[in-house]
Amino acid sequence: MRSAPTRTEARLIAALQLRTGRWFFQVPVFGYIADFYFPSRRLIVELDGPHHHLQRDAARDAALKRKGLLTLRFSNAAVHDDLEHVVAMIYASQG
């Protein structure tokens, strides 16, 4: 678990702070560390860099789904190239 966000995470944090809703950064959720967690919506947002393990991520997402959580994954490039779209997708998934 990191205490300081990456540049990409900081960019998303700044965008999320402009919106309403309670969220947590780098928090443990059912034995995993979530990049962003919106407990009221049971939503996890993960930012994936170039070195993510697709099989491990899929298993993790499936385990969290069994606990009733939805995981959205975005590439770091998506956050840098189309931040507004990423934020819109996060809030659209919240109902």
PDB file of N, CA and C in Angstrom:
ATOM      1  N   MET A   1       0.849  -1.169   0.000  1.00  0.00           N
ATOM      2  CA  MET A   1       0.000   0.000   0.000  1.00  0.00           C
ATOM      3  C   MET A   1       0.895   1.233   0.000  1.00  0.00           C
ATOM      4  N   ARG A   2       0.587   2.153  -0.906  1.00  0.00           N
ATOM      5  CA  ARG A   2       1.390   3.371  -1.009  1.00  0.00           C
ATOM      6  C   ARG A   2       0.685   4.527  -0.321  1.00  0.00           C
ATOM      7  N   SER A   3       1.451   5.423   0.269  1.00  0.00           N
ATOM      8  CA  SER A   3       0.849   6.594   0.895  1.00  0.00           C
ATOM      9  C   SER A   3       0.777   7.773  -0.069  1.00  0.00           C
ATOM     10  N   ALA A   4       1.648   7.778  -1.068  1.00  0.00           N
ATOM     11  CA  ALA A   4       1.657   8.868  -2.048  1.00  0.00           C
ATOM     12  C   ALA A   4       1.165   8.352  -3.395  1.00  0.00           C
ATOM     13  N   PRO A   5       0.263   9.072  -4.038  1.00  0.00           N
ATOM     14  CA  PRO A   5      -0.251   8.629  -5.328  1.00  0.00           C
ATOM     15  C   PRO A   5       0.762   8.822  -6.454  1.00  0.00           C
ATOM     16  N   THR A   6       0.619   8.008  -7.480  1.00  0.00           N
ATOM     17  CA  THR A   6       1.400   8.213  -8.695  1.00  0.00           C
ATOM     18  C   THR A   6       0.873   9.471  -9.386  1.00  0.00           C
ATOM     19  N   ARG A   7       1.565   9.923 -10.405  1.00  0.00           N
ATOM     20  CA  ARG A   7       1.104  11.101 -11.154  1.00  0.00           C
ATOM     21  C   ARG A   7      -0.280  10.869 -11.756  1.00  0.00           C
ATOM     22  N   THR A   8      -0.489   9.675 -12.279  1.00  0.00           N
ATOM     23  CA  THR A   8      -1.785   9.353 -12.876  1.00  0.00           C
ATOM     24  C   THR A   8      -2.873   9.331 -11.819  1.00  0.00           C
ATOM     25  N   GLU A   9      -2.602   8.709 -10.683  1.00  0.00           N
ATOM     26  CA  GLU A   9      -3.578   8.680  -9.598  1.00  0.00           C
ATOM     27  C   GLU A   9      -3.880  10.087  -9.102  1.00  0.00           C
ATOM     28  N   ALA A  10      -2.861  10.915  -8.968  1.00  0.00           N
ATOM     29  CA  ALA A  10      -3.063  12.294  -8.508  1.00  0.00           C
ATOM     30  C   ALA A  10      -3.961  13.055  -9.475  1.00  0.00           C
ATOM     31  N   ARG A  11      -3.801  12.785 -10.750  1.00  0.00           N
ATOM     32  CA  ARG A  11      -4.644  13.442 -11.763  1.00  0.00           C
ATOM     33  C   ARG A  11      -6.106  13.036 -11.580  1.00  0.00           C
ATOM     34  N   LEU A  12      -6.347  11.749 -11.353  1.00  0.00           N
ATOM     35  CA  LEU A  12      -7.713  11.286 -11.138  1.00  0.00           C
ATOM     36  C   LEU A  12      -8.255  11.793  -9.807  1.00  0.00           C
ATOM     37  N   ILE A  13      -7.444  11.810  -8.776  1.00  0.00           N
ATOM     38  CA  ILE A  13      -7.870  12.343  -7.481  1.00  0.00           C
ATOM     39  C   ILE A  13      -8.343  13.782  -7.628  1.00  0.00           C
ATOM     40  N   ALA A  14      -7.576  14.600  -8.314  1.00  0.00           N
ATOM     41  CA  ALA A  14      -7.959  16.004  -8.507  1.00  0.00           C
ATOM     42  C   ALA A  14      -9.303  16.100  -9.213  1.00  0.00           C
ATOM     43  N   ALA A  15      -9.536  15.254 -10.194  1.00  0.00           N
ATOM     44  CA  ALA A  15     -10.809  15.282 -10.917  1.00  0.00           C
ATOM     45  C   ALA A  15     -11.955  14.792 -10.043  1.00  0.00           C
ATOM     46  N   LEU A  16     -11.713  13.776  -9.233  1.00  0.00           N
ATOM     47  CA  LEU A  16     -12.770  13.246  -8.377  1.00  0.00           C
ATOM     48  C   LEU A  16     -13.130  14.205  -7.253  1.00  0.00           C
ATOM     49  N   GLN A  17     -12.175  14.998  -6.802  1.00  0.00           N
ATOM     50  CA  GLN A  17     -12.445  15.938  -5.717  1.00  0.00           C
ATOM     51  C   GLN A  17     -13.410  17.035  -6.144  1.00  0.00           C
ATOM     52  N   LEU A  18     -13.577  17.221  -7.439  1.00  0.00           N
ATOM     53  CA  LEU A  18     -14.500  18.229  -7.938  1.00  0.00           C
ATOM     54  C   LEU A  18     -15.940  17.733  -7.915  1.00  0.00           C
ATOM     55  N   ARG A  19     -16.117  16.461  -7.670  1.00  0.00           N
ATOM     56  CA  ARG A  19     -17.444  15.846  -7.689  1.00  0.00           C
ATOM     57  C   ARG A  19     -17.860  15.458  -6.273  1.00  0.00           C
ATOM     58  N   THR A  20     -19.137  15.194  -6.106  1.00  0.00           N
ATOM     59  CA  THR A  20     -19.619  14.728  -4.814  1.00  0.00           C
ATOM     60  C   THR A  20     -19.413  13.231  -4.702  1.00  0.00           C
ATOM     61  N   GLY A  21     -19.492  12.736  -3.507  1.00  0.00           N
ATOM     62  CA  GLY A  21     -19.354  11.309  -3.265  1.00  0.00           C
ATOM     63  C   GLY A  21     -18.132  11.026  -2.419  1.00  0.00           C
ATOM     64  N   ARG A  22     -18.266  10.100  -1.522  1.00  0.00           N
ATOM     65  CA  ARG A  22     -17.182   9.719  -0.621  1.00  0.00           C
ATOM     66  C   ARG A  22     -16.403   8.578  -1.255  1.00  0.00           C
ATOM     67  N   TRP A  23     -15.089   8.720  -1.319  1.00  0.00           N
ATOM     68  CA  TRP A  23     -14.228   7.684  -1.870  1.00  0.00           C
ATOM     69  C   TRP A  23     -12.939   7.631  -1.079  1.00  0.00           C
ATOM     70  N   PHE A  24     -12.243   6.502  -1.179  1.00  0.00           N
ATOM     71  CA  PHE A  24     -10.997   6.280  -0.457  1.00  0.00           C
ATOM     72  C   PHE A  24      -9.920   5.864  -1.442  1.00  0.00           C
ATOM     73  N   PHE A  25      -8.687   6.253  -1.143  1.00  0.00           N
ATOM     74  CA  PHE A  25      -7.535   5.961  -1.989  1.00  0.00           C
ATOM     75  C   PHE A  25      -6.632   4.954  -1.292  1.00  0.00           C
ATOM     76  N   GLN A  26      -6.182   3.928  -2.028  1.00  0.00           N
ATOM     77  CA  GLN A  26      -5.259   2.916  -1.512  1.00  0.00           C
ATOM     78  C   GLN A  26      -5.742   2.348  -0.177  1.00  0.00           C
ATOM     79  N   VAL A  27      -6.888   1.710  -0.226  1.00  0.00           N
ATOM     80  CA  VAL A  27      -7.513   1.184   0.981  1.00  0.00           C
ATOM     81  C   VAL A  27      -7.707  -0.332   0.843  1.00  0.00           C
ATOM     82  N   PRO A  28      -7.532  -1.083   1.946  1.00  0.00           N
ATOM     83  CA  PRO A  28      -7.779  -2.521   1.891  1.00  0.00           C
ATOM     84  C   PRO A  28      -9.281  -2.812   1.770  1.00  0.00           C
ATOM     85  N   VAL A  29      -9.605  -3.723   0.844  1.00  0.00           N
ATOM     86  CA  VAL A  29     -10.988  -4.154   0.641  1.00  0.00           C
ATOM     87  C   VAL A  29     -10.969  -5.666   0.461  1.00  0.00           C
ATOM     88  N   PHE A  30     -11.513  -6.389   1.436  1.00  0.00           N
ATOM     89  CA  PHE A  30     -11.570  -7.847   1.380  1.00  0.00           C
ATOM     90  C   PHE A  30     -10.216  -8.467   1.020  1.00  0.00           C
ATOM     91  N   GLY A  31      -9.161  -7.991   1.637  1.00  0.00           N
ATOM     92  CA  GLY A  31      -7.843  -8.580   1.453  1.00  0.00           C
ATOM     93  C   GLY A  31      -7.057  -8.059   0.260  1.00  0.00           C
ATOM     94  N   TYR A  32      -7.607  -7.141  -0.483  1.00  0.00           N
ATOM     95  CA  TYR A  32      -6.917  -6.530  -1.624  1.00  0.00           C
ATOM     96  C   TYR A  32      -6.777  -5.035  -1.370  1.00  0.00           C
ATOM     97  N   ILE A  33      -5.795  -4.424  -2.009  1.00  0.00           N
ATOM     98  CA  ILE A  33      -5.641  -2.968  -1.928  1.00  0.00           C
ATOM     99  C   ILE A  33      -6.290  -2.362  -3.163  1.00  0.00           C
ATOM    100  N   ALA A  34      -7.286  -1.527  -2.945  1.00  0.00           N
ATOM    101  CA  ALA A  34      -7.989  -0.863  -4.044  1.00  0.00           C
ATOM    102  C   ALA A  34      -7.366   0.509  -4.291  1.00  0.00           C
ATOM    103  N   ASP A  35      -7.144   0.831  -5.560  1.00  0.00           N
ATOM    104  CA  ASP A  35      -6.650   2.174  -5.873  1.00  0.00           C
ATOM    105  C   ASP A  35      -7.649   3.214  -5.390  1.00  0.00           C
ATOM    106  N   PHE A  36      -8.920   3.020  -5.749  1.00  0.00           N
ATOM    107  CA  PHE A  36     -10.001   3.906  -5.321  1.00  0.00           C
ATOM    108  C   PHE A  36     -11.194   3.042  -4.932  1.00  0.00           C
ATOM    109  N   TYR A  37     -11.854   3.403  -3.829  1.00  0.00           N
ATOM    110  CA  TYR A  37     -13.001   2.638  -3.353  1.00  0.00           C
ATOM    111  C   TYR A  37     -14.125   3.591  -2.985  1.00  0.00           C
ATOM    112  N   PHE A  38     -15.299   3.328  -3.556  1.00  0.00           N
ATOM    113  CA  PHE A  38     -16.510   4.093  -3.284  1.00  0.00           C
ATOM    114  C   PHE A  38     -17.451   3.162  -2.516  1.00  0.00           C
ATOM    115  N   PRO A  39     -17.375   3.138  -1.172  1.00  0.00           N
ATOM    116  CA  PRO A  39     -18.136   2.141  -0.412  1.00  0.00           C
ATOM    117  C   PRO A  39     -19.643   2.261  -0.570  1.00  0.00           C
ATOM    118  N   SER A  40     -20.171   3.461  -0.697  1.00  0.00           N
ATOM    119  CA  SER A  40     -21.619   3.607  -0.802  1.00  0.00           C
ATOM    120  C   SER A  40     -22.167   2.976  -2.079  1.00  0.00           C
ATOM    121  N   ARG A  41     -21.315   2.849  -3.095  1.00  0.00           N
ATOM    122  CA  ARG A  41     -21.718   2.241  -4.372  1.00  0.00           C
ATOM    123  C   ARG A  41     -21.087   0.874  -4.598  1.00  0.00           C
ATOM    124  N   ARG A  42     -20.301   0.426  -3.610  1.00  0.00           N
ATOM    125  CA  ARG A  42     -19.622  -0.866  -3.720  1.00  0.00           C
ATOM    126  C   ARG A  42     -18.827  -0.946  -5.024  1.00  0.00           C
ATOM    127  N   LEU A  43     -18.103   0.124  -5.295  1.00  0.00           N
ATOM    128  CA  LEU A  43     -17.362   0.294  -6.538  1.00  0.00           C
ATOM    129  C   LEU A  43     -15.875   0.470  -6.266  1.00  0.00           C
ATOM    130  N   ILE A  44     -15.062  -0.264  -7.016  1.00  0.00           N
ATOM    131  CA  ILE A  44     -13.613  -0.129  -6.966  1.00  0.00           C
ATOM    132  C   ILE A  44     -13.153   0.349  -8.336  1.00  0.00           C
ATOM    133  N   VAL A  45     -12.223   1.304  -8.342  1.00  0.00           N
ATOM    134  CA  VAL A  45     -11.625   1.782  -9.582  1.00  0.00           C
ATOM    135  C   VAL A  45     -10.131   1.496  -9.511  1.00  0.00           C
ATOM    136  N   GLU A  46      -9.640   0.828 -10.538  1.00  0.00           N
ATOM    137  CA  GLU A  46      -8.231   0.479 -10.631  1.00  0.00           C
ATOM    138  C   GLU A  46      -7.606   1.167 -11.836  1.00  0.00           C
ATOM    139  N   LEU A  47      -6.409   1.710 -11.647  1.00  0.00           N
ATOM    140  CA  LEU A  47      -5.645   2.287 -12.746  1.00  0.00           C
ATOM    141  C   LEU A  47      -4.509   1.328 -13.064  1.00  0.00           C
ATOM    142  N   ASP A  48      -4.457   0.910 -14.300  1.00  0.00           N
ATOM    143  CA  ASP A  48      -3.499  -0.120 -14.708  1.00  0.00           C
ATOM    144  C   ASP A  48      -2.389   0.459 -15.570  1.00  0.00           C
ATOM    145  N   GLY A  49      -1.186   0.222 -15.118  1.00  0.00           N
ATOM    146  CA  GLY A  49      -0.008   0.593 -15.894  1.00  0.00           C
ATOM    147  C   GLY A  49       0.362  -0.528 -16.841  1.00  0.00           C
ATOM    148  N   PRO A  50       1.493  -0.414 -17.488  1.00  0.00           N
ATOM    149  CA  PRO A  50       1.879  -1.404 -18.492  1.00  0.00           C
ATOM    150  C   PRO A  50       2.286  -2.767 -17.918  1.00  0.00           C
ATOM    151  N   HIS A  51       2.477  -2.872 -16.624  1.00  0.00           N
ATOM    152  CA  HIS A  51       2.990  -4.115 -16.047  1.00  0.00           C
ATOM    153  C   HIS A  51       1.962  -4.853 -15.205  1.00  0.00           C
ATOM    154  N   HIS A  52       0.707  -4.731 -15.544  1.00  0.00           N
ATOM    155  CA  HIS A  52      -0.323  -5.455 -14.787  1.00  0.00           C
ATOM    156  C   HIS A  52      -0.403  -6.892 -15.261  1.00  0.00           C
ATOM    157  N   HIS A  53      -0.806  -7.769 -14.349  1.00  0.00           N
ATOM    158  CA  HIS A  53      -0.950  -9.195 -14.635  1.00  0.00           C
ATOM    159  C   HIS A  53      -2.427  -9.468 -14.906  1.00  0.00           C
ATOM    160  N   LEU A  54      -2.775  -9.655 -16.162  1.00  0.00           N
ATOM    161  CA  LEU A  54      -4.171  -9.785 -16.555  1.00  0.00           C
ATOM    162  C   LEU A  54      -4.880 -10.938 -15.872  1.00  0.00           C
ATOM    163  N   GLN A  55      -4.229 -12.094 -15.754  1.00  0.00           N
ATOM    164  CA  GLN A  55      -4.868 -13.245 -15.115  1.00  0.00           C
ATOM    165  C   GLN A  55      -5.102 -12.985 -13.632  1.00  0.00           C
ATOM    166  N   ARG A  56      -4.105 -12.420 -12.967  1.00  0.00           N
ATOM    167  CA  ARG A  56      -4.251 -12.123 -11.541  1.00  0.00           C
ATOM    168  C   ARG A  56      -5.327 -11.056 -11.327  1.00  0.00           C
ATOM    169  N   ASP A  57      -5.357 -10.038 -12.185  1.00  0.00           N
ATOM    170  CA  ASP A  57      -6.383  -9.000 -12.089  1.00  0.00           C
ATOM    171  C   ASP A  57      -7.776  -9.595 -12.286  1.00  0.00           C
ATOM    172  N   ALA A  58      -7.922 -10.486 -13.245  1.00  0.00           N
ATOM    173  CA  ALA A  58      -9.225 -11.106 -13.516  1.00  0.00           C
ATOM    174  C   ALA A  58      -9.691 -11.932 -12.317  1.00  0.00           C
ATOM    175  N   ALA A  59      -8.778 -12.676 -11.707  1.00  0.00           N
ATOM    176  CA  ALA A  59      -9.127 -13.469 -10.526  1.00  0.00           C
ATOM    177  C   ALA A  59      -9.524 -12.565  -9.367  1.00  0.00           C
ATOM    178  N   ARG A  60      -8.798 -11.479  -9.193  1.00  0.00           N
ATOM    179  CA  ARG A  60      -9.088 -10.513  -8.128  1.00  0.00           C
ATOM    180  C   ARG A  60     -10.457  -9.879  -8.346  1.00  0.00           C
ATOM    181  N   ASP A  61     -10.725  -9.448  -9.577  1.00  0.00           N
ATOM    182  CA  ASP A  61     -12.010  -8.822  -9.893  1.00  0.00           C
ATOM    183  C   ASP A  61     -13.164  -9.795  -9.663  1.00  0.00           C
ATOM    184  N   ALA A  62     -12.959 -11.071 -10.030  1.00  0.00           N
ATOM    185  CA  ALA A  62     -13.993 -12.082  -9.825  1.00  0.00           C
ATOM    186  C   ALA A  62     -14.248 -12.314  -8.329  1.00  0.00           C
ATOM    187  N   ALA A  63     -13.182 -12.356  -7.540  1.00  0.00           N
ATOM    188  CA  ALA A  63     -13.338 -12.536  -6.090  1.00  0.00           C
ATOM    189  C   ALA A  63     -14.100 -11.368  -5.480  1.00  0.00           C
ATOM    190  N   LEU A  64     -13.783 -10.156  -5.916  1.00  0.00           N
ATOM    191  CA  LEU A  64     -14.484  -8.981  -5.394  1.00  0.00           C
ATOM    192  C   LEU A  64     -15.935  -8.938  -5.870  1.00  0.00           C
ATOM    193  N   LYS A  65     -16.175  -9.411  -7.077  1.00  0.00           N
ATOM    194  CA  LYS A  65     -17.553  -9.471  -7.598  1.00  0.00           C
ATOM    195  C   LYS A  65     -18.395 -10.407  -6.744  1.00  0.00           C
ATOM    196  N   ARG A  66     -17.801 -11.529  -6.320  1.00  0.00           N
ATOM    197  CA  ARG A  66     -18.530 -12.460  -5.452  1.00  0.00           C
ATOM    198  C   ARG A  66     -18.897 -11.807  -4.129  1.00  0.00           C
ATOM    199  N   LYS A  67     -18.165 -10.773  -3.739  1.00  0.00           N
ATOM    200  CA  LYS A  67     -18.466 -10.024  -2.511  1.00  0.00           C
ATOM    201  C   LYS A  67     -19.447  -8.881  -2.781  1.00  0.00           C
ATOM    202  N   GLY A  68     -19.900  -8.761  -4.029  1.00  0.00           N
ATOM    203  CA  GLY A  68     -20.876  -7.730  -4.375  1.00  0.00           C
ATOM    204  C   GLY A  68     -20.273  -6.417  -4.818  1.00  0.00           C
ATOM    205  N   LEU A  69     -18.989  -6.431  -5.196  1.00  0.00           N
ATOM    206  CA  LEU A  69     -18.316  -5.197  -5.619  1.00  0.00           C
ATOM    207  C   LEU A  69     -18.087  -5.206  -7.125  1.00  0.00           C
ATOM    208  N   LEU A  70     -18.205  -4.045  -7.724  1.00  0.00           N
ATOM    209  CA  LEU A  70     -17.904  -3.860  -9.137  1.00  0.00           C
ATOM    210  C   LEU A  70     -16.524  -3.225  -9.246  1.00  0.00           C
ATOM    211  N   THR A  71     -15.691  -3.753 -10.132  1.00  0.00           N
ATOM    212  CA  THR A  71     -14.370  -3.170 -10.374  1.00  0.00           C
ATOM    213  C   THR A  71     -14.332  -2.602 -11.782  1.00  0.00           C
ATOM    214  N   LEU A  72     -13.990  -1.329 -11.880  1.00  0.00           N
ATOM    215  CA  LEU A  72     -13.743  -0.688 -13.166  1.00  0.00           C
ATOM    216  C   LEU A  72     -12.246  -0.524 -13.315  1.00  0.00           C
ATOM    217  N   ARG A  73     -11.734  -0.861 -14.484  1.00  0.00           N
ATOM    218  CA  ARG A  73     -10.303  -0.723 -14.751  1.00  0.00           C
ATOM    219  C   ARG A  73     -10.092   0.245 -15.899  1.00  0.00           C
ATOM    220  N   PHE A  74      -9.124   1.143 -15.699  1.00  0.00           N
ATOM    221  CA  PHE A  74      -8.750   2.107 -16.724  1.00  0.00           C
ATOM    222  C   PHE A  74      -7.233   2.083 -16.867  1.00  0.00           C
ATOM    223  N   SER A  75      -6.774   2.240 -18.073  1.00  0.00           N
ATOM    224  CA  SER A  75      -5.334   2.332 -18.276  1.00  0.00           C
ATOM    225  C   SER A  75      -4.853   3.714 -17.851  1.00  0.00           C
ATOM    226  N   ASN A  76      -3.596   3.802 -17.496  1.00  0.00           N
ATOM    227  CA  ASN A  76      -3.019   5.109 -17.189  1.00  0.00           C
ATOM    228  C   ASN A  76      -3.169   6.037 -18.390  1.00  0.00           C
ATOM    229  N   ALA A  77      -3.021   5.495 -19.581  1.00  0.00           N
ATOM    230  CA  ALA A  77      -3.147   6.307 -20.797  1.00  0.00           C
ATOM    231  C   ALA A  77      -4.536   6.908 -20.913  1.00  0.00           C
ATOM    232  N   ALA A  78      -5.572   6.152 -20.546  1.00  0.00           N
ATOM    233  CA  ALA A  78      -6.938   6.678 -20.609  1.00  0.00           C
ATOM    234  C   ALA A  78      -7.110   7.875 -19.681  1.00  0.00           C
ATOM    235  N   VAL A  79      -6.515   7.807 -18.502  1.00  0.00           N
ATOM    236  CA  VAL A  79      -6.606   8.919 -17.555  1.00  0.00           C
ATOM    237  C   VAL A  79      -5.906  10.153 -18.118  1.00  0.00           C
ATOM    238  N   HIS A  80      -4.782   9.940 -18.748  1.00  0.00           N
ATOM    239  CA  HIS A  80      -4.043  11.079 -19.312  1.00  0.00           C
ATOM    240  C   HIS A  80      -4.682  11.616 -20.587  1.00  0.00           C
ATOM    241  N   ASP A  81      -5.207  10.714 -21.431  1.00  0.00           N
ATOM    242  CA  ASP A  81      -5.712  11.128 -22.735  1.00  0.00           C
ATOM    243  C   ASP A  81      -7.163  11.583 -22.722  1.00  0.00           C
ATOM    244  N   ASP A  82      -7.966  11.030 -21.811  1.00  0.00           N
ATOM    245  CA  ASP A  82      -9.401  11.332 -21.817  1.00  0.00           C
ATOM    246  C   ASP A  82      -9.970  11.297 -20.395  1.00  0.00           C
ATOM    247  N   LEU A  83      -9.421  12.114 -19.527  1.00  0.00           N
ATOM    248  CA  LEU A  83      -9.800  12.138 -18.110  1.00  0.00           C
ATOM    249  C   LEU A  83     -11.296  12.365 -17.916  1.00  0.00           C
ATOM    250  N   GLU A  84     -11.868  13.278 -18.662  1.00  0.00           N
ATOM    251  CA  GLU A  84     -13.297  13.574 -18.494  1.00  0.00           C
ATOM    252  C   GLU A  84     -14.155  12.341 -18.762  1.00  0.00           C
ATOM    253  N   HIS A  85     -13.786  11.552 -19.758  1.00  0.00           N
ATOM    254  CA  HIS A  85     -14.525  10.328 -20.071  1.00  0.00           C
ATOM    255  C   HIS A  85     -14.383   9.316 -18.925  1.00  0.00           C
ATOM    256  N   VAL A  86     -13.188   9.163 -18.388  1.00  0.00           N
ATOM    257  CA  VAL A  86     -12.960   8.242 -17.274  1.00  0.00           C
ATOM    258  C   VAL A  86     -13.820   8.641 -16.076  1.00  0.00           C
ATOM    259  N   VAL A  87     -13.792   9.909 -15.721  1.00  0.00           N
ATOM    260  CA  VAL A  87     -14.588  10.391 -14.579  1.00  0.00           C
ATOM    261  C   VAL A  87     -16.083  10.182 -14.853  1.00  0.00           C
ATOM    262  N   ALA A  88     -16.522  10.469 -16.060  1.00  0.00           N
ATOM    263  CA  ALA A  88     -17.933  10.278 -16.413  1.00  0.00           C
ATOM    264  C   ALA A  88     -18.320   8.809 -16.271  1.00  0.00           C
ATOM    265  N   MET A  89     -17.459   7.895 -16.702  1.00  0.00           N
ATOM    266  CA  MET A  89     -17.759   6.467 -16.573  1.00  0.00           C
ATOM    267  C   MET A  89     -17.827   6.024 -15.114  1.00  0.00           C
ATOM    268  N   ILE A  90     -16.948   6.583 -14.292  1.00  0.00           N
ATOM    269  CA  ILE A  90     -16.972   6.249 -12.860  1.00  0.00           C
ATOM    270  C   ILE A  90     -18.298   6.674 -12.251  1.00  0.00           C
ATOM    271  N   TYR A  91     -18.695   7.897 -12.499  1.00  0.00           N
ATOM    272  CA  TYR A  91     -19.933   8.378 -11.896  1.00  0.00           C
ATOM    273  C   TYR A  91     -21.174   7.775 -12.535  1.00  0.00           C
ATOM    274  N   ALA A  92     -21.134   7.407 -13.808  1.00  0.00           N
ATOM    275  CA  ALA A  92     -22.267   6.733 -14.441  1.00  0.00           C
ATOM    276  C   ALA A  92     -22.466   5.359 -13.824  1.00  0.00           C
ATOM    277  N   SER A  93     -21.394   4.692 -13.446  1.00  0.00           N
ATOM    278  CA  SER A  93     -21.502   3.350 -12.862  1.00  0.00           C
ATOM    279  C   SER A  93     -22.028   3.393 -11.436  1.00  0.00           C
ATOM    280  N   GLN A  94     -22.032   4.561 -10.852  1.00  0.00           N
ATOM    281  CA  GLN A  94     -22.501   4.679  -9.476  1.00  0.00           C
ATOM    282  C   GLN A  94     -24.019   4.762  -9.393  1.00  0.00           C
ATOM    283  N   GLY A  95     -24.681   4.776 -10.489  1.00  0.00           N
ATOM    284  CA  GLY A  95     -26.141   4.780 -10.475  1.00  0.00           C
ATOM    285  C   GLY A  95     -26.644   6.149 -10.517  1.00  0.00           C
TER     286      GLY A  95
END
